[in-house]
Structures are given as C-alpha cells and as structure tokens.
Amino acid sequence: MALSTDLVVIGAGPGGYPAAFHAADHGMDVTLVNEESAPGGVCLHRGCIPSKALLHVAKLLHEAQDAEQWGVTFAKPKIDLDKLRDFKNGVISGLTGGIGQLCKARGVKLVQARGEFIDSNTLRLKKPDGSADELKFKHAIVATGSTPVMPPFFDLGDDRVMDSTGALALADVPKKLLVVGGGYIGLEMGSVYSALGSEVTVVEMLAGLLPGADRDLVRPLATRLKEHFKAIHLKTKVASLKATSGGIVAELEGEDVESPQTFDRVLISIGRRPNSRGCGLENTAAQIDDKGFIKIDKNQRTADPNILAIGDVAGEPMLAHKATREAKVAVETLLGQPAEFDNIAIPAVVFTDPELAWCGLTESEAKAAGRNVTVVRFPWAASGRAQAISRTEGLTKLIIDPETERVLGVGIVGAGAGEMIAEGVIAVETAAVARDLADSIHAHPTLSETIMEAAEGFYGQATHSFRPKK
C-alpha cells in the first residue's frame, strides 16, 4: 500500500522540525524525513549547539586567566579532551532525544531516509539499508539546509584539512592551526582552539574581519583576538595547500606575510552552500537561482504550488532562527492564515569573546544607501556593570531616523551581547522610538542599561557619559 501524508517536511533541522510540529499542532498529518538517524540538523549536530558548548569552555579558560588581575590565581588548567568531547556530545544527544520525544508526542512520523522528488506529489524515500519507498503528499516543505564550502584546490583528501564539521569533532588540539576565513565560523572555532592551547593564525582576503558588521563593533573584538591569536593576516589569501609528513604547508599571498608556513591542521571556513541539488527538484516546477537557493516568495512558496522552502536552502541569511520563523510562515500559509515573512530585524550574533550582535539597519548599510540617520553610541567604559566585571571594551549603538525618532538598527559588542540584542530586535520590529528605550526603566547595574543610555544620548546627554557639543 502506498504511503501518503498531508505534509512531508524534508530535513529535521531548526527549520524542518518546527515546521512539522507547528503543522501537527494544527491537525495536519505530518511526515518528517531526515537523512540522519537523529533529528536536529546541522545546527544541533555540527553547528550552533556544539560550537557554543565549546565556546563556553573557552570563555571559562579566558576568565580564569583574566582573574589574575583581580588577585585570584588558578593553577594551569588540565584539558581532558575525551571528557570535553563527551560533554559536547552529551549536549547534542540530550537535545536530539528531546526532539524525538516531541515528534512522538505530536504524532509526527519521523522517517530516516533521503528524500528525492519524483514529481510534485511523490517523494522517493531512500533508506539507509538501500531500500526505497514512495510517499504521496499534498504539500512538501524543503528544509535541507546547507553544507560547508570546500574549494577543490583545498580538498586534499587529508583529514588535517577540516571544514567546520571536522573542527567540531575535536580530534586533537593542534600545536599550529591555520583558519582560512575571518567570518563568524572561523573566529568562533579559532577562539575555541586558541583557548585549548593552539597557536591560531587567521587569514582573510578582505580588509577586515566579519565583513557584514560595522567596523566600530568589530574593533574591540579584533583587539582582543590579537591578544589570543598568534596572527591575523588581512588582505591575504591562501594560494595553495600541500600535505606533507611534517604538516600542511600553506603558500600565503599578502603584504608582510611569511610564506610558506607549515601547520598541523587547517580549518577552511569560507562560507556555506545550500543543499538544493540532488533532491529531485528538477522533477517539479520549483526553481533554483544561480547561487543554488530555491526561489521563494514572502509566503515561502516556490514556483510549484505544492512545494515550499525554508531555511538555508531558501536564501540568506543562513541563520537557524531565521529558518524557525520561516517554518511558521510556511505552515500558516498552508493553513490559509494571513502570514508572510516580513521581519526586518533578523539578529546576527558572533559568539566570540567579546560577543558581537546586531539587528535591523547597520551604519554601513545606511551610508551605502545614502540614508540620513543619527548614530548614537554608549561606551561600556561608562557602565558600572562593565567596570565591575572588567569588560569595558564594549560598545552599544543605535541607528535612529532623526525625523521620526524610530529605532532602525541596534549594534552591540561586549560580554553577553547575544542575549542583549533581543531588546533591539523588539525595538526595531515594533517601530519603537528612542524615547521608548530611554524612558523604560532598566535594572541597575546591568549591561542592558547601555541600551537605555544610548537612547538618552539621542536627546542630549546620557547620564553616565558626556559629549561636548560641537
């Protein structure tokens, strides 16, 4: 008997499983197809979650070192790599187990298989044992995610040349690590390995780290990373890699850069590509753009009326929380509810130390568009809480429309910026004005007060900061 379902969701990551759950909560018969044995997707297995577990340990190691300036000295830490790996894997297994239980509780059929479209109503399910079934569906949501980019000339067939998946496996702590790419993945994983004892060298082709972020926010992070990394080479590229018995030899091209250099391991972190190929979409009316993203409208619908797409495979930015929001939009569209992806404040967070976060309009984007904005900044050196925890390098900034006083964007660099940005997201999404932030009572002493004081600065002077009038 042919298998059938109302909705099949292909991919069980932070877009896929929320879509399946939301649809099941509204009475739909849902099948969730996942190529791996456990749900969670790249984010949970090889991305957001394990990297944050390791970054937490890195932060702890750095704080132990910093404590010396406060009169507290710890003995040199001993790294038990097996136990650290078990901690990371335990976090993953606990969360994947929870998702599996939620599938059962909601009546979502979780199937381990590779899904390939035969046509706009039929999916071939290729099982791990080589067998295959056909699944008839009314609608499908494609949530197949993305894969790290590994250019062929870097792919030496040597496990010492890693992508982010290999780096998170934590096979060992190399004495010398080369990180190719100064984006968030490279800097986060570089921070982990540096804290564990590696000499980390970062190579970035562009003139600055984290090219999508405002330079004043990147500056405090870059300063701190220079203290922990062996070297950061900007405007530099890796011309070639060669595997030898003594390590991976890298030919580097850049100003005042020693070349060649030999490293024990190399992390390639130059981006990700959408997983849109090889799943049979050519057998449907769905279309793929020249970057490999599935073309969608604001309701997450593709050109095929039966198929929707969400998450990394459906376009930038490739962020887990964007996928989760798109999941609800897609399901509500199928339910006939008035929904579309119209969010204007998708937060971006770099979980380094210090953290860097922003949402809405950036200062760089405003300048590029020739848009008239007022930028107000509050330095954390004027924050009592930042002084108390010796993290005064931070900065909070607001991008404000000078006529309407509406908050258009928020940027933060500093300890805990990833948690603080939520207030900025709400402000931008709800069209809050600077007065809303300035007049809302923020607990004292907290780092979140810096948002309030930045807003005060728009109207004149922040309480704990004074800028002479020009």
Protein backbone atom coordinates (compact mmCIF):
# COMPACT_ATOMS: atom_id res chain seq x y z
CA MET A 1 0.00 0.00 0.00
CA ALA A 2 1.40 3.38 -0.99
CA LEU A 3 2.43 5.68 1.83
CA SER A 4 0.68 9.05 2.00
CA THR A 5 0.69 12.19 4.13
CA ASP A 6 -0.80 15.67 4.17
CA LEU A 7 2.57 17.31 4.61
CA VAL A 8 6.09 15.99 4.21
CA VAL A 9 8.94 18.05 5.62
CA ILE A 10 12.35 17.21 4.20
CA GLY A 11 15.08 17.96 6.72
CA ALA A 12 14.79 17.94 10.52
CA GLY A 13 16.89 20.97 11.42
CA PRO A 14 15.82 24.23 13.11
CA GLY A 15 13.53 24.93 10.17
CA GLY A 16 12.24 21.43 9.47
CA TYR A 17 11.21 20.14 12.86
CA PRO A 18 9.47 23.39 13.97
CA ALA A 19 7.50 23.27 10.68
CA ALA A 20 6.50 19.67 11.34
CA PHE A 21 5.49 20.45 14.93
CA HIS A 22 3.50 23.56 14.01
CA ALA A 23 1.62 21.69 11.29
CA ALA A 24 0.87 18.73 13.59
CA ASP A 25 -0.34 21.13 16.29
CA HIS A 26 -2.94 22.33 13.77
CA GLY A 27 -4.20 18.86 12.94
CA MET A 28 -2.22 18.04 9.84
CA ASP A 29 -0.90 14.53 9.15
CA VAL A 30 2.86 15.13 9.03
CA THR A 31 5.85 13.04 7.95
CA LEU A 32 9.30 14.37 8.82
CA VAL A 33 12.04 12.93 6.59
CA ASN A 34 15.59 13.14 7.88
CA GLU A 35 18.70 11.61 6.33
CA GLU A 36 20.42 11.21 9.70
CA SER A 37 19.32 8.85 12.44
CA ALA A 38 18.58 11.67 14.87
CA PRO A 39 16.78 14.98 14.21
CA GLY A 40 18.31 18.40 14.81
CA GLY A 41 20.09 19.17 11.56
CA VAL A 42 23.49 20.78 11.12
CA CYS A 43 22.77 23.40 13.81
CA LEU A 44 22.35 20.82 16.54
CA HIS A 45 24.78 18.15 15.35
CA ARG A 46 27.61 20.07 13.69
CA GLY A 47 26.97 23.79 14.15
CA CYS A 48 25.30 26.20 16.56
CA ILE A 49 24.93 23.98 19.59
CA PRO A 50 28.25 22.07 19.81
CA SER A 51 30.22 25.20 18.94
CA LYS A 52 28.52 27.14 21.74
CA ALA A 53 29.25 24.34 24.21
CA LEU A 54 32.94 24.56 23.32
CA LEU A 55 32.90 28.37 23.32
CA HIS A 56 31.52 28.26 26.86
CA VAL A 57 34.58 26.25 27.91
CA ALA A 58 36.86 28.68 26.04
CA LYS A 59 35.26 31.61 27.86
CA LEU A 60 35.82 29.88 31.19
CA LEU A 61 39.50 29.36 30.39
CA HIS A 62 39.91 33.01 29.44
CA GLU A 63 38.15 34.20 32.60
CA ALA A 64 40.48 32.05 34.69
CA GLN A 65 43.44 33.81 33.07
CA ASP A 66 41.86 37.26 33.46
CA ALA A 67 41.22 36.63 37.16
CA GLU A 68 44.90 37.21 37.93
CA GLN A 69 44.36 40.96 37.57
CA TRP A 70 41.71 40.74 40.31
CA GLY A 71 44.04 38.96 42.73
CA VAL A 72 42.78 35.44 42.08
CA THR A 73 45.24 32.98 40.55
CA PHE A 74 44.36 29.48 39.38
CA ALA A 75 46.72 26.66 38.57
CA LYS A 76 47.30 25.96 34.87
CA PRO A 77 44.21 24.08 33.65
CA LYS A 78 44.47 20.46 32.56
CA ILE A 79 42.48 19.67 29.42
CA ASP A 80 40.87 16.22 29.33
CA LEU A 81 39.96 16.15 25.66
CA ASP A 82 37.95 12.95 25.91
CA LYS A 83 35.80 14.35 28.72
CA LEU A 84 35.38 17.65 26.87
CA ARG A 85 34.28 15.77 23.77
CA ASP A 86 31.85 13.74 25.89
CA PHE A 87 30.40 16.95 27.35
CA LYS A 88 29.80 18.35 23.86
CA ASN A 89 28.32 15.09 22.59
CA GLY A 90 26.13 14.82 25.67
CA VAL A 91 24.61 18.22 24.96
CA ILE A 92 23.85 17.08 21.40
CA SER A 93 22.34 13.72 22.37
CA GLY A 94 20.18 15.27 25.07
CA LEU A 95 18.67 17.78 22.68
CA THR A 96 18.19 15.33 19.80
CA GLY A 97 16.50 12.92 22.18
CA GLY A 98 14.14 15.67 23.26
CA ILE A 99 13.17 16.44 19.65
CA GLY A 100 12.50 12.75 19.04
CA GLN A 101 10.19 12.61 22.05
CA LEU A 102 8.35 15.71 20.85
CA CYS A 103 7.81 14.03 17.47
CA LYS A 104 6.13 11.10 19.20
CA ALA A 105 4.07 13.34 21.47
CA ARG A 106 2.76 15.30 18.48
CA GLY A 107 2.16 12.30 16.26
CA VAL A 108 4.78 13.34 13.70
CA LYS A 109 6.09 10.34 11.75
CA LEU A 110 9.90 10.60 11.78
CA VAL A 111 11.48 8.65 8.91
CA GLN A 112 15.20 8.18 8.38
CA ALA A 113 15.69 8.44 4.63
CA ARG A 114 16.96 10.63 1.84
CA GLY A 115 14.04 12.33 0.16
CA GLU A 116 14.04 12.84 -3.62
CA PHE A 117 11.14 14.27 -5.59
CA ILE A 118 9.75 12.03 -8.30
CA ASP A 119 7.15 14.67 -9.15
CA SER A 120 5.14 17.40 -7.41
CA ASN A 121 3.17 14.89 -5.34
CA THR A 122 5.56 12.00 -4.86
CA LEU A 123 8.76 11.61 -2.85
CA ARG A 124 11.14 8.69 -3.09
CA LEU A 125 12.43 7.71 0.35
CA LYS A 126 15.89 6.14 0.09
CA LYS A 127 16.54 4.21 3.30
CA PRO A 128 19.99 3.60 4.84
CA ASP A 129 19.70 -0.15 4.06
CA GLY A 130 19.35 0.59 0.33
CA SER A 131 15.61 0.01 0.13
CA ALA A 132 13.21 2.69 -1.03
CA ASP A 133 9.57 3.66 -0.56
CA GLU A 134 7.33 6.13 -2.33
CA LEU A 135 5.45 8.73 -0.32
CA LYS A 136 2.46 10.58 -1.75
CA PHE A 137 1.91 14.05 -0.32
CA LYS A 138 -0.37 17.04 -0.70
CA HIS A 139 2.32 19.56 0.22
CA ALA A 140 6.05 19.47 0.89
CA ILE A 141 8.36 21.83 2.76
CA VAL A 142 12.01 21.63 1.75
CA ALA A 143 14.33 22.35 4.68
CA THR A 144 17.51 20.61 3.58
CA GLY A 145 19.91 23.22 4.96
CA SER A 146 23.44 23.90 3.75
CA THR A 147 26.94 22.43 3.61
CA PRO A 148 30.38 23.99 4.26
CA VAL A 149 32.15 25.17 1.11
CA MET A 150 35.37 23.29 0.38
CA PRO A 151 37.06 24.50 -2.82
CA PRO A 152 38.59 21.64 -4.83
CA PHE A 153 42.15 23.04 -4.54
CA PHE A 154 41.83 22.87 -0.74
CA ASP A 155 40.32 19.38 -0.73
CA LEU A 156 43.48 17.33 -0.37
CA GLY A 157 41.80 14.18 0.91
CA ASP A 158 43.67 14.71 4.17
CA ASP A 159 41.70 14.94 7.43
CA ARG A 160 44.15 17.58 8.66
CA VAL A 161 42.35 19.98 6.30
CA MET A 162 38.99 20.46 8.03
CA ASP A 163 35.68 22.15 7.49
CA SER A 164 33.61 23.25 10.47
CA THR A 165 32.29 19.70 10.93
CA GLY A 166 35.81 18.33 11.26
CA ALA A 167 36.83 21.13 13.61
CA LEU A 168 33.90 20.41 15.93
CA ALA A 169 34.86 16.72 16.09
CA LEU A 170 37.77 17.87 18.28
CA ALA A 171 40.07 15.01 17.25
CA ASP A 172 43.03 16.73 18.90
CA VAL A 173 44.43 20.13 19.80
CA PRO A 174 46.93 21.01 17.06
CA LYS A 175 50.02 22.97 18.01
CA LYS A 176 49.56 25.22 14.99
CA LEU A 177 46.17 25.88 13.38
CA LEU A 178 45.51 27.90 10.24
CA VAL A 179 42.00 29.34 9.92
CA VAL A 180 41.10 30.34 6.35
CA GLY A 181 38.32 32.92 6.55
CA GLY A 182 37.68 35.73 9.03
CA GLY A 183 33.92 35.23 9.30
CA TYR A 184 31.99 34.16 12.37
CA ILE A 185 32.65 30.41 11.99
CA GLY A 186 36.38 30.86 11.63
CA LEU A 187 36.65 33.29 14.53
CA GLU A 188 34.46 31.18 16.83
CA MET A 189 36.35 27.95 16.17
CA GLY A 190 39.67 29.79 16.24
CA SER A 191 38.72 31.09 19.70
CA VAL A 192 37.97 27.57 20.91
CA TYR A 193 41.25 26.10 19.72
CA SER A 194 43.24 29.09 20.94
CA ALA A 195 41.80 28.68 24.43
CA LEU A 196 42.65 24.97 24.36
CA GLY A 197 46.27 25.76 23.54
CA SER A 198 46.66 26.03 19.76
CA GLU A 199 48.67 28.77 18.05
CA VAL A 200 45.98 30.17 15.75
CA THR A 201 46.69 32.08 12.55
CA VAL A 202 43.74 33.63 10.69
CA VAL A 203 43.92 34.54 7.00
CA GLU A 204 41.20 36.78 5.50
CA MET A 205 41.11 38.01 1.89
CA LEU A 206 39.21 41.20 2.72
CA ALA A 207 40.45 44.27 4.58
CA GLY A 208 38.65 43.44 7.83
CA LEU A 209 37.19 40.66 9.93
CA LEU A 210 33.43 39.98 9.90
CA PRO A 211 32.73 41.98 6.72
CA GLY A 212 28.98 42.19 7.37
CA ALA A 213 29.36 44.07 10.65
CA ASP A 214 30.07 47.75 11.36
CA ARG A 215 33.78 48.46 11.88
CA ASP A 216 33.35 50.15 15.28
CA LEU A 217 31.72 46.97 16.58
CA VAL A 218 34.42 44.71 15.13
CA ARG A 219 37.30 46.79 16.50
CA PRO A 220 37.08 45.71 20.20
CA LEU A 221 36.78 42.07 19.14
CA ALA A 222 39.75 42.32 16.77
CA THR A 223 41.85 43.91 19.51
CA ARG A 224 41.12 41.07 21.93
CA LEU A 225 41.62 38.36 19.31
CA LYS A 226 45.07 39.75 18.51
CA GLU A 227 45.96 39.10 22.15
CA HIS A 228 44.93 35.45 21.92
CA PHE A 229 45.73 34.51 18.31
CA LYS A 230 49.27 34.13 17.02
CA ALA A 231 48.48 36.21 13.93
CA ILE A 232 45.64 37.75 11.90
CA HIS A 233 46.53 38.44 8.27
CA LEU A 234 44.11 40.66 6.35
CA LYS A 235 44.13 41.21 2.57
CA THR A 236 45.81 37.82 2.38
CA LYS A 237 44.88 34.66 0.55
CA VAL A 238 45.99 31.05 0.61
CA ALA A 239 47.49 30.31 -2.80
CA SER A 240 47.90 26.60 -2.15
CA LEU A 241 47.95 23.84 0.44
CA LYS A 242 50.20 20.80 0.34
CA ALA A 243 50.07 17.76 2.61
CA THR A 244 53.44 16.60 3.90
CA SER A 245 54.57 14.30 6.68
CA GLY A 246 55.52 17.36 8.72
CA GLY A 247 52.16 19.10 8.35
CA ILE A 248 50.07 21.09 5.89
CA VAL A 249 52.24 23.57 4.02
CA ALA A 250 50.40 26.77 3.12
CA GLU A 251 51.56 29.26 0.49
CA LEU A 252 50.26 32.66 1.63
CA GLU A 253 49.99 35.76 -0.53
CA GLY A 254 49.76 39.09 1.28
CA GLU A 255 51.74 42.09 2.42
CA ASP A 256 54.46 41.31 5.00
CA VAL A 257 53.27 37.71 5.37
CA GLU A 258 55.82 34.96 5.81
CA SER A 259 55.38 32.19 3.24
CA PRO A 260 55.31 29.25 3.14
CA GLN A 261 54.19 28.24 6.62
CA THR A 262 53.50 24.77 7.98
CA PHE A 263 50.50 23.96 10.17
CA ASP A 264 49.34 20.86 11.98
CA ARG A 265 45.75 21.47 10.90
CA VAL A 266 43.87 23.86 8.62
CA LEU A 267 40.25 24.97 9.04
CA ILE A 268 38.52 26.11 5.85
CA SER A 269 35.68 28.44 6.85
CA ILE A 270 34.83 30.50 3.79
CA GLY A 271 31.09 30.01 3.67
CA ARG A 272 28.30 27.52 3.10
CA ARG A 273 26.31 26.42 0.06
CA PRO A 274 22.60 25.46 0.00
CA ASN A 275 21.65 21.79 -0.28
CA SER A 276 19.30 22.21 -3.23
CA ARG A 277 20.92 19.81 -5.68
CA GLY A 278 20.36 16.08 -5.74
CA CYS A 279 16.89 16.07 -4.19
CA GLY A 280 14.90 15.87 -7.42
CA LEU A 281 13.62 19.44 -7.54
CA GLU A 282 14.20 19.38 -11.31
CA ASN A 283 11.24 16.97 -11.46
CA THR A 284 8.98 19.68 -10.06
CA ALA A 285 8.15 23.27 -11.03
CA ALA A 286 10.35 24.67 -8.24
CA GLN A 287 13.19 26.90 -9.44
CA ILE A 288 16.77 27.35 -8.23
CA ASP A 289 18.75 30.60 -8.65
CA ASP A 290 22.36 30.89 -9.81
CA LYS A 291 23.63 30.68 -6.20
CA GLY A 292 21.81 27.41 -5.59
CA PHE A 293 18.99 28.83 -3.45
CA ILE A 294 15.41 27.73 -4.06
CA LYS A 295 13.38 30.70 -5.26
CA ILE A 296 10.53 31.60 -2.91
CA ASP A 297 8.00 34.36 -2.30
CA LYS A 298 7.16 36.04 1.03
CA ASN A 299 4.98 33.06 1.94
CA GLN A 300 7.89 30.62 1.42
CA ARG A 301 6.13 29.21 -1.66
CA THR A 302 8.16 28.02 -4.63
CA ALA A 303 7.02 28.16 -8.26
CA ASP A 304 5.45 24.74 -7.62
CA PRO A 305 2.10 25.20 -5.84
CA ASN A 306 2.65 22.05 -3.76
CA ILE A 307 6.16 22.84 -2.56
CA LEU A 308 7.51 25.41 -0.10
CA ALA A 309 11.08 26.00 1.08
CA ILE A 310 12.59 27.38 4.28
CA GLY A 311 15.94 27.91 5.98
CA ASP A 312 19.42 27.94 4.47
CA VAL A 313 18.26 26.35 1.23
CA ALA A 314 15.80 29.22 0.70
CA GLY A 315 18.25 32.13 0.88
CA GLU A 316 20.37 34.39 3.04
CA PRO A 317 20.95 34.95 5.84
CA MET A 318 21.81 31.36 6.73
CA LEU A 319 20.71 31.52 10.35
CA ALA A 320 18.86 28.93 12.42
CA HIS A 321 16.43 31.43 13.94
CA LYS A 322 15.51 32.75 10.51
CA ALA A 323 14.64 29.19 9.49
CA THR A 324 12.44 28.72 12.56
CA ARG A 325 10.47 31.87 11.77
CA GLU A 326 10.11 30.81 8.13
CA ALA A 327 8.78 27.45 9.30
CA LYS A 328 5.78 29.09 10.95
CA VAL A 329 5.16 31.34 7.94
CA ALA A 330 5.16 28.31 5.61
CA VAL A 331 2.75 26.28 7.74
CA GLU A 332 0.41 29.21 8.35
CA THR A 333 0.38 29.80 4.59
CA LEU A 334 -0.76 26.20 4.08
CA LEU A 335 -3.43 26.69 6.73
CA GLY A 336 -4.77 29.71 4.85
CA GLN A 337 -3.78 32.16 7.56
CA PRO A 338 -2.55 35.70 6.74
CA ALA A 339 1.19 35.17 7.13
CA GLU A 340 4.32 36.26 5.29
CA PHE A 341 8.00 36.66 6.11
CA ASP A 342 8.12 40.41 6.66
CA ASN A 343 10.60 40.56 9.53
CA ILE A 344 13.05 43.45 9.28
CA ALA A 345 15.21 42.65 12.31
CA ILE A 346 16.91 39.28 11.94
CA PRO A 347 19.55 39.28 14.68
CA ALA A 348 23.11 38.22 13.87
CA VAL A 349 25.33 37.07 16.73
CA VAL A 350 29.01 36.18 16.74
CA PHE A 351 29.67 34.13 19.88
CA THR A 352 33.30 35.09 20.31
CA ASP A 353 34.66 36.84 23.40
CA PRO A 354 33.54 39.59 23.37
CA GLU A 355 30.31 38.71 21.60
CA LEU A 356 29.11 40.84 18.73
CA ALA A 357 25.44 41.26 17.76
CA TRP A 358 23.36 43.47 15.55
CA CYS A 359 19.89 43.72 14.01
CA GLY A 360 17.98 45.93 11.61
CA LEU A 361 19.80 48.60 9.63
CA THR A 362 23.55 48.85 10.13
CA GLU A 363 25.51 52.07 9.92
CA SER A 364 27.41 50.73 6.91
CA GLU A 365 24.16 49.93 5.09
CA ALA A 366 22.78 53.38 5.86
CA LYS A 367 25.89 55.05 4.42
CA ALA A 368 25.86 52.85 1.32
CA ALA A 369 22.22 53.75 0.68
CA GLY A 370 22.82 57.46 1.32
CA ARG A 371 20.22 57.34 4.07
CA ASN A 372 20.07 60.12 6.65
CA VAL A 373 20.38 58.59 10.11
CA THR A 374 21.59 59.59 13.54
CA VAL A 375 24.05 57.19 15.18
CA VAL A 376 24.37 57.31 18.96
CA ARG A 377 26.93 55.27 20.86
CA PHE A 378 27.37 54.47 24.53
CA PRO A 379 30.84 53.22 25.55
CA TRP A 380 30.86 50.47 28.14
CA ALA A 381 33.73 52.19 29.93
CA ALA A 382 30.93 54.36 31.39
CA SER A 383 28.91 51.34 32.57
CA GLY A 384 29.12 50.42 36.24
CA ARG A 385 28.34 46.79 35.47
CA ALA A 386 31.04 46.62 32.78
CA GLN A 387 33.55 48.15 35.19
CA ALA A 388 32.61 45.64 37.88
CA ILE A 389 33.32 42.68 35.61
CA SER A 390 36.36 44.27 33.90
CA ARG A 391 34.77 44.20 30.45
CA THR A 392 34.86 47.85 29.48
CA GLU A 393 35.83 47.28 25.84
CA GLY A 394 32.16 47.03 24.84
CA LEU A 395 30.00 49.44 22.87
CA THR A 396 26.26 49.83 22.31
CA LYS A 397 25.00 51.82 19.33
CA LEU A 398 21.59 52.79 17.95
CA ILE A 399 20.76 53.75 14.37
CA ILE A 400 17.87 56.24 14.54
CA ASP A 401 15.74 58.09 11.99
CA PRO A 402 16.27 61.75 13.01
CA GLU A 403 12.81 62.82 11.84
CA THR A 404 10.58 60.07 13.23
CA GLU A 405 13.00 59.12 16.06
CA ARG A 406 12.32 55.49 15.15
CA VAL A 407 14.98 52.92 16.07
CA LEU A 408 16.13 51.44 12.76
CA GLY A 409 19.01 49.30 13.98
CA VAL A 410 20.94 48.23 17.05
CA GLY A 411 24.54 47.04 17.35
CA ILE A 412 26.34 45.72 20.42
CA VAL A 413 29.82 44.40 21.08
CA GLY A 414 30.67 43.14 24.55
CA ALA A 415 30.09 40.38 27.07
CA GLY A 416 26.61 38.91 26.65
CA ALA A 417 25.77 40.91 23.52
CA GLY A 418 23.94 37.90 22.09
CA GLU A 419 21.42 37.99 24.93
CA MET A 420 21.08 41.77 24.90
CA ILE A 421 20.22 42.04 21.20
CA ALA A 422 16.70 40.71 21.85
CA GLU A 423 15.68 44.13 23.16
CA GLY A 424 17.00 45.65 19.97
CA VAL A 425 15.02 43.21 17.83
CA ILE A 426 11.79 44.10 19.62
CA ALA A 427 12.53 47.81 19.29
CA VAL A 428 13.14 47.58 15.54
CA GLU A 429 10.26 45.19 14.81
CA THR A 430 7.70 47.20 16.78
CA ALA A 431 8.82 50.56 15.33
CA ALA A 432 9.81 51.79 18.78
CA VAL A 433 11.21 55.29 19.05
CA ALA A 434 14.31 56.25 21.00
CA ARG A 435 12.11 57.71 23.75
CA ASP A 436 10.62 54.24 24.39
CA LEU A 437 14.06 52.89 25.21
CA ALA A 438 15.26 55.96 27.10
CA ASP A 439 12.19 56.13 29.36
CA SER A 440 11.86 52.39 30.06
CA ILE A 441 13.39 51.54 33.44
CA HIS A 442 16.34 49.18 33.08
CA ALA A 443 17.65 47.31 36.11
CA HIS A 444 20.82 48.72 37.67
CA PRO A 445 23.59 47.75 37.48
CA THR A 446 23.22 45.80 34.23
CA LEU A 447 24.78 45.86 30.80
CA SER A 448 21.31 46.32 29.30
CA GLU A 449 21.34 49.84 30.76
CA THR A 450 23.72 50.74 27.96
CA ILE A 451 20.78 50.49 25.52
CA MET A 452 18.79 52.94 27.63
CA GLU A 453 21.72 55.34 27.94
CA ALA A 454 22.46 55.19 24.22
CA ALA A 455 18.85 56.23 23.63
CA GLU A 456 19.26 59.06 26.16
CA GLY A 457 22.20 60.26 24.10
CA PHE A 458 19.89 60.86 21.16
CA TYR A 459 18.08 63.53 23.17
CA GLY A 460 21.14 65.21 24.57
CA GLN A 461 23.38 63.59 27.16
CA ALA A 462 23.39 60.09 28.60
CA THR A 463 23.50 60.09 32.41
CA HIS A 464 26.91 58.43 32.65
CA SER A 465 28.52 59.89 29.56
CA PHE A 466 29.17 63.46 28.46
CA ARG A 467 29.95 64.57 24.93
CA PRO A 468 30.95 68.22 24.47
CA LYS A 469 28.73 69.97 21.96
CA LYS A 470 30.38 70.75 18.64
